[in-house]
Amino acid sequence: MKTDSWSIDSAHSAVNFSVRHMVFAKVRGRFGAWRGSVELNPADLARSKVEIEIDASSIDTGVADRDNHLRSGDFLDVEQYPSLRFVSTKVEAGGSRYRLVGNLTIRDVTREVVLDVEFGGQAKDPWGNQRVAFTAATSIDRRDFGLTWNQVLEAGGVLVGERIDIEIELQAVAQAEAKAS
């Protein structure tokens, strides 16, 4: 069974997140710099693999002061831990939806996460490149990765929620096969 190699097209993909702020509102953000690869085995998706590396300093919530705080030792500590990493361990098929299980590493802490994945489709672009698209989502508890900074609010609750919702829009381009010489 042949496995196809795909490069993630980060110009047409996104890693977004949201977290509760002051209990009642949400802050949304994204990571602007990341790369990865996908190994797809169309005949046996369970043999497929995904690897993604995110530049932690590329976090962007649209507010410079908040982004700088998120880069600090209170949160991502980008000087000591410059990247976040995801490596899949298995794919479970279920109709047009899949479960992608893998190890997520943040601040040198690795935990298993499960992403719910939906296949978006596959097509050839105007330049002859084969493309594939997926949408994936998961939620993590930031405290599981050592991200414990918070402030108690006078009215009750905390400033930053523990649950982070992650959404990924992924488009990948098939890699050309090596020609025999």
Protein backbone atom coordinates (compact mmCIF):
# COMPACT_ATOMS: atom_id res chain seq x y z
CA MET A 1 0.00 0.00 0.00
CA LYS A 2 1.42 3.32 -1.13
CA THR A 3 1.66 6.27 1.24
CA ASP A 4 1.58 9.75 -0.30
CA SER A 5 3.67 12.62 1.07
CA TRP A 6 2.06 16.04 1.39
CA SER A 7 3.50 19.38 2.52
CA ILE A 8 1.23 21.62 4.53
CA ASP A 9 0.50 24.85 2.68
CA SER A 10 0.64 27.30 5.58
CA ALA A 11 -0.46 30.17 3.31
CA HIS A 12 -3.81 28.40 2.92
CA SER A 13 -3.99 26.86 6.39
CA ALA A 14 -4.48 28.18 9.92
CA VAL A 15 -3.93 27.21 13.55
CA ASN A 16 -6.48 29.16 15.62
CA PHE A 17 -7.46 29.04 19.28
CA SER A 18 -9.91 30.60 21.72
CA VAL A 19 -10.03 30.83 25.50
CA ARG A 20 -12.49 32.31 27.97
CA HIS A 21 -11.58 35.73 29.37
CA MET A 22 -13.14 36.93 32.63
CA VAL A 23 -15.52 33.93 32.54
CA PHE A 24 -18.04 35.50 30.14
CA ALA A 25 -16.07 36.49 27.01
CA LYS A 26 -13.69 34.79 24.58
CA VAL A 27 -10.30 35.84 23.28
CA ARG A 28 -9.34 34.43 19.90
CA GLY A 29 -5.89 34.08 18.46
CA ARG A 30 -3.72 32.24 16.00
CA PHE A 31 -0.17 31.13 15.36
CA GLY A 32 1.27 32.82 12.29
CA ALA A 33 4.35 30.65 11.68
CA TRP A 34 4.26 26.88 11.51
CA ARG A 35 5.08 24.02 9.22
CA GLY A 36 4.37 20.37 8.90
CA SER A 37 3.88 17.30 6.80
CA VAL A 38 1.20 14.73 6.17
CA GLU A 39 1.70 11.12 5.07
CA LEU A 40 -1.59 9.83 3.67
CA ASN A 41 -2.30 6.22 2.92
CA PRO A 42 -5.62 6.34 1.03
CA ALA A 43 -6.04 2.55 1.17
CA ASP A 44 -5.47 2.43 4.94
CA LEU A 45 -5.90 5.79 6.66
CA ALA A 46 -4.83 4.25 9.97
CA ARG A 47 -1.29 4.19 8.52
CA SER A 48 -1.37 7.96 7.88
CA LYS A 49 0.81 10.37 9.89
CA VAL A 50 0.82 14.08 10.69
CA GLU A 51 3.64 16.19 12.14
CA ILE A 52 3.33 19.90 12.92
CA GLU A 53 5.81 22.31 14.49
CA ILE A 54 4.57 25.75 15.58
CA ASP A 55 6.78 28.77 16.24
CA ALA A 56 5.58 29.74 19.75
CA SER A 57 6.67 33.36 19.29
CA SER A 58 4.23 33.73 16.36
CA ILE A 59 1.23 33.80 18.72
CA ASP A 60 -1.12 36.62 17.72
CA THR A 61 -4.30 37.73 19.47
CA GLY A 62 -4.32 41.19 17.92
CA VAL A 63 -3.15 42.91 21.13
CA ALA A 64 0.63 43.42 21.40
CA ASP A 65 0.74 43.62 25.22
CA ARG A 66 -1.30 40.44 25.60
CA ASP A 67 0.81 38.65 22.97
CA ASN A 68 4.00 39.64 24.81
CA HIS A 69 2.52 38.30 28.06
CA LEU A 70 1.62 35.02 26.32
CA ARG A 71 5.23 34.75 25.08
CA SER A 72 6.59 35.32 28.62
CA GLY A 73 7.44 32.77 31.32
CA ASP A 74 3.87 33.10 32.66
CA PHE A 75 2.63 31.20 29.61
CA LEU A 76 4.59 29.84 26.61
CA ASP A 77 8.07 30.98 27.73
CA VAL A 78 9.21 31.22 24.10
CA GLU A 79 12.84 31.94 24.99
CA GLN A 80 13.17 28.56 26.68
CA TYR A 81 10.58 26.65 24.62
CA PRO A 82 10.57 28.13 21.09
CA SER A 83 8.15 25.63 19.54
CA LEU A 84 5.02 23.60 20.10
CA ARG A 85 4.90 20.22 18.41
CA PHE A 86 2.25 17.66 17.43
CA VAL A 87 3.08 14.14 16.22
CA SER A 88 0.25 11.76 15.40
CA THR A 89 0.23 8.23 16.76
CA LYS A 90 -2.90 6.85 15.08
CA VAL A 91 -5.87 7.68 12.88
CA GLU A 92 -9.30 6.20 13.51
CA ALA A 93 -11.83 6.31 10.67
CA GLY A 94 -15.55 6.81 11.15
CA GLY A 95 -17.36 7.67 7.92
CA SER A 96 -16.35 11.09 6.60
CA ARG A 97 -14.99 12.05 10.04
CA TYR A 98 -11.81 10.83 11.70
CA ARG A 99 -10.10 10.91 15.06
CA LEU A 100 -6.45 11.89 14.93
CA VAL A 101 -4.64 10.81 18.10
CA GLY A 102 -1.21 12.17 18.85
CA ASN A 103 1.25 13.74 21.23
CA LEU A 104 1.17 17.50 21.75
CA THR A 105 4.23 19.09 23.36
CA ILE A 106 4.06 22.53 24.94
CA ARG A 107 6.83 23.79 27.26
CA ASP A 108 8.51 20.34 27.17
CA VAL A 109 5.34 18.72 28.53
CA THR A 110 3.84 16.07 26.25
CA ARG A 111 0.24 14.91 26.51
CA GLU A 112 -1.93 12.80 24.27
CA VAL A 113 -4.67 14.74 22.51
CA VAL A 114 -7.46 13.68 20.17
CA LEU A 115 -8.50 15.86 17.26
CA ASP A 116 -11.84 15.45 15.54
CA VAL A 117 -11.07 15.69 11.83
CA GLU A 118 -13.32 16.26 8.85
CA PHE A 119 -12.10 15.60 5.30
CA GLY A 120 -12.73 18.68 3.15
CA GLY A 121 -11.88 17.20 -0.21
CA GLN A 122 -9.16 16.69 -2.79
CA ALA A 123 -8.62 18.44 -6.13
CA LYS A 124 -6.02 19.60 -8.63
CA ASP A 125 -5.24 23.34 -8.54
CA PRO A 126 -4.82 25.48 -11.72
CA TRP A 127 -1.04 24.84 -11.68
CA GLY A 128 -1.39 21.05 -11.72
CA ASN A 129 -0.72 20.45 -8.02
CA GLN A 130 -2.85 17.90 -6.18
CA ARG A 131 -4.32 19.41 -2.98
CA VAL A 132 -6.19 17.99 0.00
CA ALA A 133 -7.99 19.80 2.83
CA PHE A 134 -9.01 18.93 6.38
CA THR A 135 -10.58 20.72 9.34
CA ALA A 136 -9.62 19.57 12.85
CA ALA A 137 -10.67 20.60 16.34
CA THR A 138 -9.82 19.72 19.92
CA SER A 139 -9.83 21.22 23.40
CA ILE A 140 -7.03 21.03 25.93
CA ASP A 141 -6.65 22.05 29.56
CA ARG A 142 -3.74 24.48 29.57
CA ARG A 143 -2.81 23.48 33.12
CA ASP A 144 -1.89 20.00 31.81
CA PHE A 145 1.01 21.70 29.99
CA GLY A 146 2.23 23.82 32.90
CA LEU A 147 0.35 26.96 31.79
CA THR A 148 -1.04 27.81 35.22
CA TRP A 149 -0.79 31.61 35.49
CA ASN A 150 -4.09 33.27 36.41
CA GLN A 151 -5.72 35.98 38.49
CA VAL A 152 -8.82 35.64 40.65
CA LEU A 153 -11.52 38.17 39.82
CA GLU A 154 -13.17 40.31 42.47
CA ALA A 155 -16.61 39.15 41.29
CA GLY A 156 -15.54 35.49 41.33
CA GLY A 157 -13.98 33.28 38.72
CA VAL A 158 -10.62 33.73 37.05
CA LEU A 159 -9.21 36.03 34.39
CA VAL A 160 -8.11 33.29 31.95
CA GLY A 161 -10.07 30.09 31.35
CA GLU A 162 -8.37 26.71 31.67
CA ARG A 163 -9.85 25.19 28.50
CA ILE A 164 -8.33 26.19 25.17
CA ASP A 165 -10.31 25.35 22.05
CA ILE A 166 -8.11 24.70 19.02
CA GLU A 167 -9.26 24.75 15.39
CA ILE A 168 -7.06 23.88 12.44
CA GLU A 169 -7.80 24.48 8.77
CA LEU A 170 -5.26 22.47 6.83
CA GLN A 171 -4.52 22.40 3.14
CA ALA A 172 -1.66 20.27 1.85
CA VAL A 173 0.05 19.85 -1.51
CA ALA A 174 1.16 16.45 -2.83
CA GLN A 175 4.92 16.10 -3.13
CA ALA A 176 6.27 15.07 -6.52
CA GLU A 177 7.48 11.50 -6.66
CA ALA A 178 11.21 11.00 -7.05
CA LYS A 179 12.03 10.04 -10.63
CA ALA A 180 14.09 6.93 -11.24
CA SER A 181 17.45 7.66 -12.79
